Amino acid sequence: MFKRIILFTVNKIESRFQQNEIIAHRYKVMNHLGTGSYGNSYLVFDQLSQQKKVLKALRIHKRITRSGRNTFEIEKKLLLSINHPGFPKYFEDGTHKKIPFYTMEYIEGKNFEQLIFQDGHKYSEVEAFKIALDVLALINYLHEQRLIHRDIRIPNVITNGSEIALIDLGLARKYDNQGTNELNKTKRNIRKEINPKADFYGLGHFLLFLLYSNYSFPKNKKESSWEEELEISHLAKHIINRLLQIEDCYESCEQVKSDMKILIGK
């Protein structure tokens, strides 16, 4: 409760960079892209390199704590360590008005939150699992680098119509095979664990959003479970149940990939 009050207060008093504002004598703000738990993201024009970039500035309630500043540094280092077209490239960092920031590649396209809730896109079962298979390939790349994303959600997956990209490494962490929260099963927050299952869990919910895009919510009908509401195949339910750890959970991306390929007929 106290944390919520602090966040509410911060949201009220925190000022953002304004459109056309020049950051660090170099970056012209085009528009505000969004606010995350750690940073505000802006589309900027780099007047030095003459290209669009994304500038992420650390939020005030994170700037005043050592853990918040450390997490921002971790995010920069992780992004710098990644060399894959499915993730934004890291460029440079700096400060403006004592606010730390860094810049990264601007990836053209829309995220799936925009596609579903703004554009009204609808995805069939096969389409949803084909998209999820592409996301899984990016998750697999991270896992091969011993990285867990921990924030697989529809706002963090972008597509330009043919290619998929995964953004926002603010919660990503190195994986040491130990995992977290395994001893306290009653209070587990699977998304925050530092092991591959956290990303599988996020992918399961990502799939549900895609599948629900094709669902018509009847009026005055009592809310049911997704298994009852969604008209999807037994295999689709089985895969999602395993991703969500309702059934025997997946241990590797290869296991998930194998079942998804069967479903889409590859």
C-alpha atoms as a PDB file:
ATOM      1  CA  MET A   1       0.000   0.000   0.000  1.00  0.00           C
ATOM      2  CA  PHE A   2       2.785   2.410   0.953  1.00  0.00           C
ATOM      3  CA  LYS A   3       4.613   1.618  -2.306  1.00  0.00           C
ATOM      4  CA  ARG A   4       1.462   2.400  -4.307  1.00  0.00           C
ATOM      5  CA  ILE A   5       1.089   5.754  -2.562  1.00  0.00           C
ATOM      6  CA  ILE A   6       4.715   6.620  -3.387  1.00  0.00           C
ATOM      7  CA  LEU A   7       4.269   5.654  -7.041  1.00  0.00           C
ATOM      8  CA  PHE A   8       1.029   7.646  -7.284  1.00  0.00           C
ATOM      9  CA  THR A   9       2.745  10.702  -5.806  1.00  0.00           C
ATOM     10  CA  VAL A  10       5.753  10.315  -8.117  1.00  0.00           C
ATOM     11  CA  ASN A  11       3.507  10.084 -11.182  1.00  0.00           C
ATOM     12  CA  LYS A  12       1.877  13.351 -10.157  1.00  0.00           C
ATOM     13  CA  ILE A  13       5.056  15.360  -9.550  1.00  0.00           C
ATOM     14  CA  GLU A  14       7.428  13.819 -12.086  1.00  0.00           C
ATOM     15  CA  SER A  15       7.965  16.041 -15.113  1.00  0.00           C
ATOM     16  CA  ARG A  16       8.753  14.632 -18.531  1.00  0.00           C
ATOM     17  CA  PHE A  17      10.916  15.985 -21.286  1.00  0.00           C
ATOM     18  CA  GLN A  18       8.789  18.121 -23.593  1.00  0.00           C
ATOM     19  CA  GLN A  19       8.303  17.817 -27.337  1.00  0.00           C
ATOM     20  CA  ASN A  20      11.081  19.649 -29.242  1.00  0.00           C
ATOM     21  CA  GLU A  21      13.197  19.896 -26.093  1.00  0.00           C
ATOM     22  CA  ILE A  22      16.902  19.387 -26.800  1.00  0.00           C
ATOM     23  CA  ILE A  23      18.478  16.777 -24.544  1.00  0.00           C
ATOM     24  CA  ALA A  24      22.207  17.078 -23.800  1.00  0.00           C
ATOM     25  CA  HIS A  25      22.649  19.580 -26.680  1.00  0.00           C
ATOM     26  CA  ARG A  26      22.035  16.746 -29.123  1.00  0.00           C
ATOM     27  CA  TYR A  27      18.724  14.860 -29.002  1.00  0.00           C
ATOM     28  CA  LYS A  28      15.495  16.581 -30.058  1.00  0.00           C
ATOM     29  CA  VAL A  29      12.412  15.058 -28.420  1.00  0.00           C
ATOM     30  CA  MET A  30       9.822  14.022 -31.006  1.00  0.00           C
ATOM     31  CA  ASN A  31       7.332  12.396 -28.643  1.00  0.00           C
ATOM     32  CA  HIS A  32       6.933  10.414 -25.421  1.00  0.00           C
ATOM     33  CA  LEU A  33       6.676   6.675 -26.125  1.00  0.00           C
ATOM     34  CA  GLY A  34       5.753   5.363 -22.704  1.00  0.00           C
ATOM     35  CA  THR A  35       6.488   5.035 -19.010  1.00  0.00           C
ATOM     36  CA  GLY A  36       7.860   1.915 -17.384  1.00  0.00           C
ATOM     37  CA  SER A  37       8.661   1.117 -13.790  1.00  0.00           C
ATOM     38  CA  TYR A  38      12.247   2.361 -14.271  1.00  0.00           C
ATOM     39  CA  GLY A  39      12.234   4.827 -17.093  1.00  0.00           C
ATOM     40  CA  ASN A  40      10.443   7.200 -19.429  1.00  0.00           C
ATOM     41  CA  SER A  41      11.067   6.411 -23.090  1.00  0.00           C
ATOM     42  CA  TYR A  42      11.109   9.037 -25.834  1.00  0.00           C
ATOM     43  CA  LEU A  43      11.460   9.013 -29.590  1.00  0.00           C
ATOM     44  CA  VAL A  44      14.231  11.506 -30.316  1.00  0.00           C
ATOM     45  CA  PHE A  45      16.131  12.778 -33.328  1.00  0.00           C
ATOM     46  CA  ASP A  46      19.884  12.635 -32.880  1.00  0.00           C
ATOM     47  CA  GLN A  47      21.141  15.833 -34.504  1.00  0.00           C
ATOM     48  CA  LEU A  48      24.689  14.498 -34.566  1.00  0.00           C
ATOM     49  CA  SER A  49      24.085  11.168 -36.305  1.00  0.00           C
ATOM     50  CA  GLN A  50      20.952  12.399 -38.125  1.00  0.00           C
ATOM     51  CA  GLN A  51      18.816   9.422 -37.093  1.00  0.00           C
ATOM     52  CA  LYS A  52      15.857   8.560 -34.926  1.00  0.00           C
ATOM     53  CA  LYS A  53      16.646   6.885 -31.624  1.00  0.00           C
ATOM     54  CA  VAL A  54      14.874   5.884 -28.439  1.00  0.00           C
ATOM     55  CA  LEU A  55      16.047   7.706 -25.336  1.00  0.00           C
ATOM     56  CA  LYS A  56      15.298   6.137 -21.973  1.00  0.00           C
ATOM     57  CA  ALA A  57      15.575   8.398 -18.909  1.00  0.00           C
ATOM     58  CA  LEU A  58      15.637   7.074 -15.348  1.00  0.00           C
ATOM     59  CA  ARG A  59      12.548   7.977 -13.312  1.00  0.00           C
ATOM     60  CA  ILE A  60      12.799  10.118 -10.198  1.00  0.00           C
ATOM     61  CA  HIS A  61      11.888   7.450  -7.625  1.00  0.00           C
ATOM     62  CA  LYS A  62      14.617   5.220  -9.073  1.00  0.00           C
ATOM     63  CA  ARG A  63      17.226   7.986  -9.267  1.00  0.00           C
ATOM     64  CA  ILE A  64      17.099   8.570  -5.518  1.00  0.00           C
ATOM     65  CA  THR A  65      17.861   4.947  -4.603  1.00  0.00           C
ATOM     66  CA  ARG A  66      21.104   3.070  -5.113  1.00  0.00           C
ATOM     67  CA  SER A  67      19.228  -0.056  -6.236  1.00  0.00           C
ATOM     68  CA  GLY A  68      17.330   1.967  -8.854  1.00  0.00           C
ATOM     69  CA  ARG A  69      20.532   3.485 -10.245  1.00  0.00           C
ATOM     70  CA  ASN A  70      22.269   0.097 -10.201  1.00  0.00           C
ATOM     71  CA  THR A  71      19.396  -1.521 -12.079  1.00  0.00           C
ATOM     72  CA  PHE A  72      19.627   1.157 -14.766  1.00  0.00           C
ATOM     73  CA  GLU A  73      23.335   0.382 -15.154  1.00  0.00           C
ATOM     74  CA  ILE A  74      22.592  -3.344 -15.363  1.00  0.00           C
ATOM     75  CA  GLU A  75      20.054  -2.716 -18.116  1.00  0.00           C
ATOM     76  CA  LYS A  76      22.590  -0.728 -20.137  1.00  0.00           C
ATOM     77  CA  LYS A  77      25.254  -3.422 -19.796  1.00  0.00           C
ATOM     78  CA  LEU A  78      22.858  -6.207 -20.770  1.00  0.00           C
ATOM     79  CA  LEU A  79      21.661  -4.304 -23.826  1.00  0.00           C
ATOM     80  CA  LEU A  80      25.259  -3.589 -24.814  1.00  0.00           C
ATOM     81  CA  SER A  81      26.065  -7.313 -24.584  1.00  0.00           C
ATOM     82  CA  ILE A  82      23.335  -8.319 -27.054  1.00  0.00           C
ATOM     83  CA  ASN A  83      24.104  -8.552 -30.751  1.00  0.00           C
ATOM     84  CA  HIS A  84      20.929  -9.685 -32.484  1.00  0.00           C
ATOM     85  CA  PRO A  85      18.554  -7.949 -34.965  1.00  0.00           C
ATOM     86  CA  GLY A  86      15.582  -8.882 -32.792  1.00  0.00           C
ATOM     87  CA  PHE A  87      16.712  -6.516 -30.039  1.00  0.00           C
ATOM     88  CA  PRO A  88      17.471  -2.769 -30.150  1.00  0.00           C
ATOM     89  CA  LYS A  89      21.134  -1.790 -30.388  1.00  0.00           C
ATOM     90  CA  TYR A  90      22.625   0.227 -27.539  1.00  0.00           C
ATOM     91  CA  PHE A  91      24.211   3.542 -28.596  1.00  0.00           C
ATOM     92  CA  GLU A  92      25.378   5.914 -25.855  1.00  0.00           C
ATOM     93  CA  ASP A  93      24.488   7.355 -22.463  1.00  0.00           C
ATOM     94  CA  GLY A  94      24.592  10.716 -20.683  1.00  0.00           C
ATOM     95  CA  THR A  95      22.765  13.012 -18.270  1.00  0.00           C
ATOM     96  CA  HIS A  96      20.369  15.911 -18.747  1.00  0.00           C
ATOM     97  CA  LYS A  97      19.226  18.108 -15.854  1.00  0.00           C
ATOM     98  CA  LYS A  98      20.932  15.524 -13.603  1.00  0.00           C
ATOM     99  CA  ILE A  99      18.729  12.789 -15.102  1.00  0.00           C
ATOM    100  CA  PRO A 100      20.668   9.715 -16.352  1.00  0.00           C
ATOM    101  CA  PHE A 101      19.668   8.436 -19.786  1.00  0.00           C
ATOM    102  CA  TYR A 102      20.849   6.177 -22.560  1.00  0.00           C
ATOM    103  CA  THR A 103      19.895   5.826 -26.202  1.00  0.00           C
ATOM    104  CA  MET A 104      19.172   2.800 -28.316  1.00  0.00           C
ATOM    105  CA  GLU A 105      17.951   1.844 -31.752  1.00  0.00           C
ATOM    106  CA  TYR A 106      14.426   2.844 -32.733  1.00  0.00           C
ATOM    107  CA  ILE A 107      12.675  -0.214 -34.146  1.00  0.00           C
ATOM    108  CA  GLU A 108       9.933   0.611 -36.637  1.00  0.00           C
ATOM    109  CA  GLY A 109       6.588  -1.074 -36.117  1.00  0.00           C
ATOM    110  CA  LYS A 110       3.813  -1.461 -33.566  1.00  0.00           C
ATOM    111  CA  ASN A 111       3.635  -3.477 -30.406  1.00  0.00           C
ATOM    112  CA  PHE A 112       0.916  -6.064 -29.901  1.00  0.00           C
ATOM    113  CA  GLU A 113      -0.901  -3.959 -27.327  1.00  0.00           C
ATOM    114  CA  GLN A 114      -1.425  -1.333 -30.044  1.00  0.00           C
ATOM    115  CA  LEU A 115      -2.311  -3.916 -32.668  1.00  0.00           C
ATOM    116  CA  ILE A 116      -4.935  -5.619 -30.493  1.00  0.00           C
ATOM    117  CA  PHE A 117      -6.509  -2.764 -28.539  1.00  0.00           C
ATOM    118  CA  GLN A 118      -6.076   0.172 -30.921  1.00  0.00           C
ATOM    119  CA  ASP A 119      -6.083  -1.400 -34.379  1.00  0.00           C
ATOM    120  CA  GLY A 120      -8.451  -4.260 -33.565  1.00  0.00           C
ATOM    121  CA  HIS A 121      -6.313  -7.027 -35.008  1.00  0.00           C
ATOM    122  CA  LYS A 122      -7.620 -10.536 -34.493  1.00  0.00           C
ATOM    123  CA  TYR A 123      -5.423 -13.634 -34.453  1.00  0.00           C
ATOM    124  CA  SER A 124      -6.444 -17.204 -35.132  1.00  0.00           C
ATOM    125  CA  GLU A 125      -4.975 -20.069 -33.150  1.00  0.00           C
ATOM    126  CA  VAL A 126      -2.368 -20.890 -35.787  1.00  0.00           C
ATOM    127  CA  GLU A 127      -1.467 -17.219 -36.310  1.00  0.00           C
ATOM    128  CA  ALA A 128      -1.070 -16.702 -32.560  1.00  0.00           C
ATOM    129  CA  PHE A 129       1.249 -19.682 -32.196  1.00  0.00           C
ATOM    130  CA  LYS A 130       3.321 -18.679 -35.238  1.00  0.00           C
ATOM    131  CA  ILE A 131       3.893 -15.284 -33.623  1.00  0.00           C
ATOM    132  CA  ALA A 132       4.678 -16.943 -30.284  1.00  0.00           C
ATOM    133  CA  LEU A 133       7.189 -19.198 -32.041  1.00  0.00           C
ATOM    134  CA  ASP A 134       9.007 -16.114 -33.343  1.00  0.00           C
ATOM    135  CA  VAL A 135       9.026 -14.617 -29.838  1.00  0.00           C
ATOM    136  CA  LEU A 136      10.300 -17.926 -28.494  1.00  0.00           C
ATOM    137  CA  ALA A 137      13.293 -17.720 -30.869  1.00  0.00           C
ATOM    138  CA  LEU A 138      14.256 -14.387 -29.248  1.00  0.00           C
ATOM    139  CA  ILE A 139      13.736 -15.822 -25.771  1.00  0.00           C
ATOM    140  CA  ASN A 140      15.949 -18.751 -26.747  1.00  0.00           C
ATOM    141  CA  TYR A 141      18.707 -16.367 -27.865  1.00  0.00           C
ATOM    142  CA  LEU A 142      18.613 -14.664 -24.467  1.00  0.00           C
ATOM    143  CA  HIS A 143      18.633 -17.979 -22.624  1.00  0.00           C
ATOM    144  CA  GLU A 144      21.679 -19.068 -24.605  1.00  0.00           C
ATOM    145  CA  GLN A 145      23.368 -15.906 -23.294  1.00  0.00           C
ATOM    146  CA  ARG A 146      22.292 -16.868 -19.751  1.00  0.00           C
ATOM    147  CA  LEU A 147      19.781 -13.989 -19.712  1.00  0.00           C
ATOM    148  CA  ILE A 148      16.184 -14.080 -18.504  1.00  0.00           C
ATOM    149  CA  HIS A 149      13.957 -11.288 -19.852  1.00  0.00           C
ATOM    150  CA  ARG A 150      11.276 -11.497 -17.105  1.00  0.00           C
ATOM    151  CA  ASP A 151       8.918  -9.069 -18.857  1.00  0.00           C
ATOM    152  CA  ILE A 152       7.431 -10.888 -21.846  1.00  0.00           C
ATOM    153  CA  ARG A 153       4.263  -8.853 -22.447  1.00  0.00           C
ATOM    154  CA  ILE A 154       2.299  -7.518 -25.422  1.00  0.00           C
ATOM    155  CA  PRO A 155       3.710  -3.946 -25.064  1.00  0.00           C
ATOM    156  CA  ASN A 156       7.265  -5.329 -25.255  1.00  0.00           C
ATOM    157  CA  VAL A 157       6.881  -7.290 -28.505  1.00  0.00           C
ATOM    158  CA  ILE A 158       7.045  -5.221 -31.706  1.00  0.00           C
ATOM    159  CA  THR A 159       6.360  -6.238 -35.299  1.00  0.00           C
ATOM    160  CA  ASN A 160       6.691  -4.437 -38.615  1.00  0.00           C
ATOM    161  CA  GLY A 161       4.455  -7.012 -40.284  1.00  0.00           C
ATOM    162  CA  SER A 162       7.175  -9.486 -41.148  1.00  0.00           C
ATOM    163  CA  GLU A 163       9.693  -9.440 -38.310  1.00  0.00           C
ATOM    164  CA  ILE A 164       9.430  -9.593 -34.528  1.00  0.00           C
ATOM    165  CA  ALA A 165      11.514  -7.649 -32.002  1.00  0.00           C
ATOM    166  CA  LEU A 166      11.663  -7.851 -28.204  1.00  0.00           C
ATOM    167  CA  ILE A 167      12.308  -4.696 -26.189  1.00  0.00           C
ATOM    168  CA  ASP A 168      12.675  -3.470 -22.586  1.00  0.00           C
ATOM    169  CA  LEU A 169      15.386  -5.261 -20.654  1.00  0.00           C
ATOM    170  CA  GLY A 170      14.671  -3.305 -17.491  1.00  0.00           C
ATOM    171  CA  LEU A 171      13.873  -6.463 -15.536  1.00  0.00           C
ATOM    172  CA  ALA A 172      16.322  -8.786 -17.327  1.00  0.00           C
ATOM    173  CA  ARG A 173      18.934 -10.555 -15.238  1.00  0.00           C
ATOM    174  CA  LYS A 174      21.777 -13.037 -15.621  1.00  0.00           C
ATOM    175  CA  TYR A 175      20.778 -16.615 -14.833  1.00  0.00           C
ATOM    176  CA  ASP A 176      23.015 -18.632 -12.503  1.00  0.00           C
ATOM    177  CA  ASN A 177      21.067 -21.940 -12.460  1.00  0.00           C
ATOM    178  CA  GLN A 178      19.869 -21.300  -8.922  1.00  0.00           C
ATOM    179  CA  GLY A 179      16.585 -19.576  -9.747  1.00  0.00           C
ATOM    180  CA  THR A 180      14.650 -17.636  -7.126  1.00  0.00           C
ATOM    181  CA  ASN A 181      11.700 -18.094  -4.819  1.00  0.00           C
ATOM    182  CA  GLU A 182      11.809 -21.836  -5.192  1.00  0.00           C
ATOM    183  CA  LEU A 183      11.734 -22.390  -1.434  1.00  0.00           C
ATOM    184  CA  ASN A 184       8.578 -20.383  -0.851  1.00  0.00           C
ATOM    185  CA  LYS A 185       6.023 -21.916  -3.160  1.00  0.00           C
ATOM    186  CA  THR A 186       3.058 -20.194  -1.489  1.00  0.00           C
ATOM    187  CA  LYS A 187       4.374 -16.694  -2.239  1.00  0.00           C
ATOM    188  CA  ARG A 188       5.957 -17.241  -5.631  1.00  0.00           C
ATOM    189  CA  ASN A 189       5.859 -14.509  -8.224  1.00  0.00           C
ATOM    190  CA  ILE A 190       6.813 -16.556 -11.246  1.00  0.00           C
ATOM    191  CA  ARG A 191       7.415 -13.518 -13.469  1.00  0.00           C
ATOM    192  CA  LYS A 192      10.126 -12.242 -11.128  1.00  0.00           C
ATOM    193  CA  GLU A 193      12.048 -15.476 -10.818  1.00  0.00           C
ATOM    194  CA  ILE A 194      15.430 -15.572 -12.506  1.00  0.00           C
ATOM    195  CA  ASN A 195      15.054 -18.791 -14.458  1.00  0.00           C
ATOM    196  CA  PRO A 196      13.698 -19.802 -17.887  1.00  0.00           C
ATOM    197  CA  LYS A 197      10.241 -20.603 -16.481  1.00  0.00           C
ATOM    198  CA  ALA A 198       9.656 -16.884 -15.850  1.00  0.00           C
ATOM    199  CA  ASP A 199       9.854 -16.233 -19.593  1.00  0.00           C
ATOM    200  CA  PHE A 200       7.717 -19.264 -20.430  1.00  0.00           C
ATOM    201  CA  TYR A 201       5.083 -17.961 -18.020  1.00  0.00           C
ATOM    202  CA  GLY A 202       5.152 -14.561 -19.728  1.00  0.00           C
ATOM    203  CA  LEU A 203       4.898 -16.225 -23.147  1.00  0.00           C
ATOM    204  CA  GLY A 204       1.814 -18.134 -21.970  1.00  0.00           C
ATOM    205  CA  HIS A 205       0.051 -14.902 -21.052  1.00  0.00           C
ATOM    206  CA  PHE A 206       1.225 -13.298 -24.296  1.00  0.00           C
ATOM    207  CA  LEU A 207      -0.468 -16.136 -26.178  1.00  0.00           C
ATOM    208  CA  LEU A 208      -3.699 -15.681 -24.229  1.00  0.00           C
ATOM    209  CA  PHE A 209      -3.863 -12.006 -25.246  1.00  0.00           C
ATOM    210  CA  LEU A 210      -3.458 -12.973 -28.909  1.00  0.00           C
ATOM    211  CA  LEU A 211      -6.108 -15.684 -28.658  1.00  0.00           C
ATOM    212  CA  TYR A 212      -8.565 -13.459 -26.791  1.00  0.00           C
ATOM    213  CA  SER A 213      -8.328 -10.934 -29.646  1.00  0.00           C
ATOM    214  CA  ASN A 214     -10.631 -13.308 -31.534  1.00  0.00           C
ATOM    215  CA  TYR A 215     -13.076 -13.745 -28.656  1.00  0.00           C
ATOM    216  CA  SER A 216     -16.413 -11.948 -28.382  1.00  0.00           C
ATOM    217  CA  PHE A 217     -17.324 -11.244 -24.790  1.00  0.00           C
ATOM    218  CA  PRO A 218     -21.064 -12.036 -24.360  1.00  0.00           C
ATOM    219  CA  LYS A 219     -23.107  -9.536 -22.392  1.00  0.00           C
ATOM    220  CA  ASN A 220     -24.351 -10.532 -18.947  1.00  0.00           C
ATOM    221  CA  LYS A 221     -22.428 -13.787 -19.054  1.00  0.00           C
ATOM    222  CA  LYS A 222     -20.571 -14.862 -15.940  1.00  0.00           C
ATOM    223  CA  GLU A 223     -16.812 -14.742 -16.349  1.00  0.00           C
ATOM    224  CA  SER A 224     -15.258 -18.166 -16.868  1.00  0.00           C
ATOM    225  CA  SER A 225     -11.729 -19.527 -17.140  1.00  0.00           C
ATOM    226  CA  TRP A 226      -9.817 -19.059 -20.379  1.00  0.00           C
ATOM    227  CA  GLU A 227     -10.020 -22.823 -20.966  1.00  0.00           C
ATOM    228  CA  GLU A 228     -13.814 -22.604 -21.019  1.00  0.00           C
ATOM    229  CA  GLU A 229     -14.077 -19.340 -22.963  1.00  0.00           C
ATOM    230  CA  LEU A 230     -11.550 -19.910 -25.736  1.00  0.00           C
ATOM    231  CA  GLU A 231     -12.443 -22.338 -28.500  1.00  0.00           C
ATOM    232  CA  ILE A 232      -8.970 -23.685 -29.135  1.00  0.00           C
ATOM    233  CA  SER A 233      -7.489 -27.122 -29.680  1.00  0.00           C
ATOM    234  CA  HIS A 234      -6.556 -29.548 -26.943  1.00  0.00           C
ATOM    235  CA  LEU A 235      -2.878 -29.171 -27.881  1.00  0.00           C
ATOM    236  CA  ALA A 236      -3.093 -25.353 -27.627  1.00  0.00           C
ATOM    237  CA  LYS A 237      -4.559 -25.665 -24.125  1.00  0.00           C
ATOM    238  CA  HIS A 238      -1.889 -28.203 -23.198  1.00  0.00           C
ATOM    239  CA  ILE A 239       0.942 -25.908 -24.355  1.00  0.00           C
ATOM    240  CA  ILE A 240      -0.460 -22.885 -22.518  1.00  0.00           C
ATOM    241  CA  ASN A 241      -1.042 -24.904 -19.358  1.00  0.00           C
ATOM    242  CA  ARG A 242       2.573 -26.032 -19.413  1.00  0.00           C
ATOM    243  CA  LEU A 243       3.812 -22.486 -20.066  1.00  0.00           C
ATOM    244  CA  LEU A 244       1.733 -21.209 -17.142  1.00  0.00           C
ATOM    245  CA  GLN A 245       2.986 -24.089 -14.972  1.00  0.00           C
ATOM    246  CA  ILE A 246      -0.534 -25.398 -14.404  1.00  0.00           C
ATOM    247  CA  GLU A 247       0.636 -28.706 -15.838  1.00  0.00           C
ATOM    248  CA  ASP A 248       4.163 -30.133 -15.879  1.00  0.00           C
ATOM    249  CA  CYS A 249       6.193 -27.066 -16.860  1.00  0.00           C
ATOM    250  CA  TYR A 250       8.619 -26.832 -19.765  1.00  0.00           C
ATOM    251  CA  GLU A 251      12.312 -27.058 -18.984  1.00  0.00           C
ATOM    252  CA  SER A 252      13.724 -25.592 -22.190  1.00  0.00           C
ATOM    253  CA  CYS A 253      12.872 -23.549 -25.272  1.00  0.00           C
ATOM    254  CA  GLU A 254      13.456 -26.631 -27.396  1.00  0.00           C
ATOM    255  CA  GLN A 255      10.604 -28.444 -25.634  1.00  0.00           C
ATOM    256  CA  VAL A 256       8.242 -25.504 -26.198  1.00  0.00           C
ATOM    257  CA  LYS A 257       9.334 -25.198 -29.830  1.00  0.00           C
ATOM    258  CA  SER A 258       8.710 -28.880 -30.491  1.00  0.00           C
ATOM    259  CA  ASP A 259       5.078 -28.728 -29.312  1.00  0.00           C
ATOM    260  CA  MET A 260       4.382 -25.435 -31.087  1.00  0.00           C
ATOM    261  CA  LYS A 261       5.698 -26.790 -34.372  1.00  0.00           C
ATOM    262  CA  ILE A 262       3.331 -29.751 -34.111  1.00  0.00           C
ATOM    263  CA  LEU A 263       0.410 -27.381 -33.546  1.00  0.00           C
ATOM    264  CA  ILE A 264       1.125 -25.139 -36.532  1.00  0.00           C
ATOM    265  CA  GLY A 265       1.939 -28.125 -38.739  1.00  0.00           C
ATOM    266  CA  LYS A 266       5.627 -27.531 -39.367  1.00  0.00           C
END
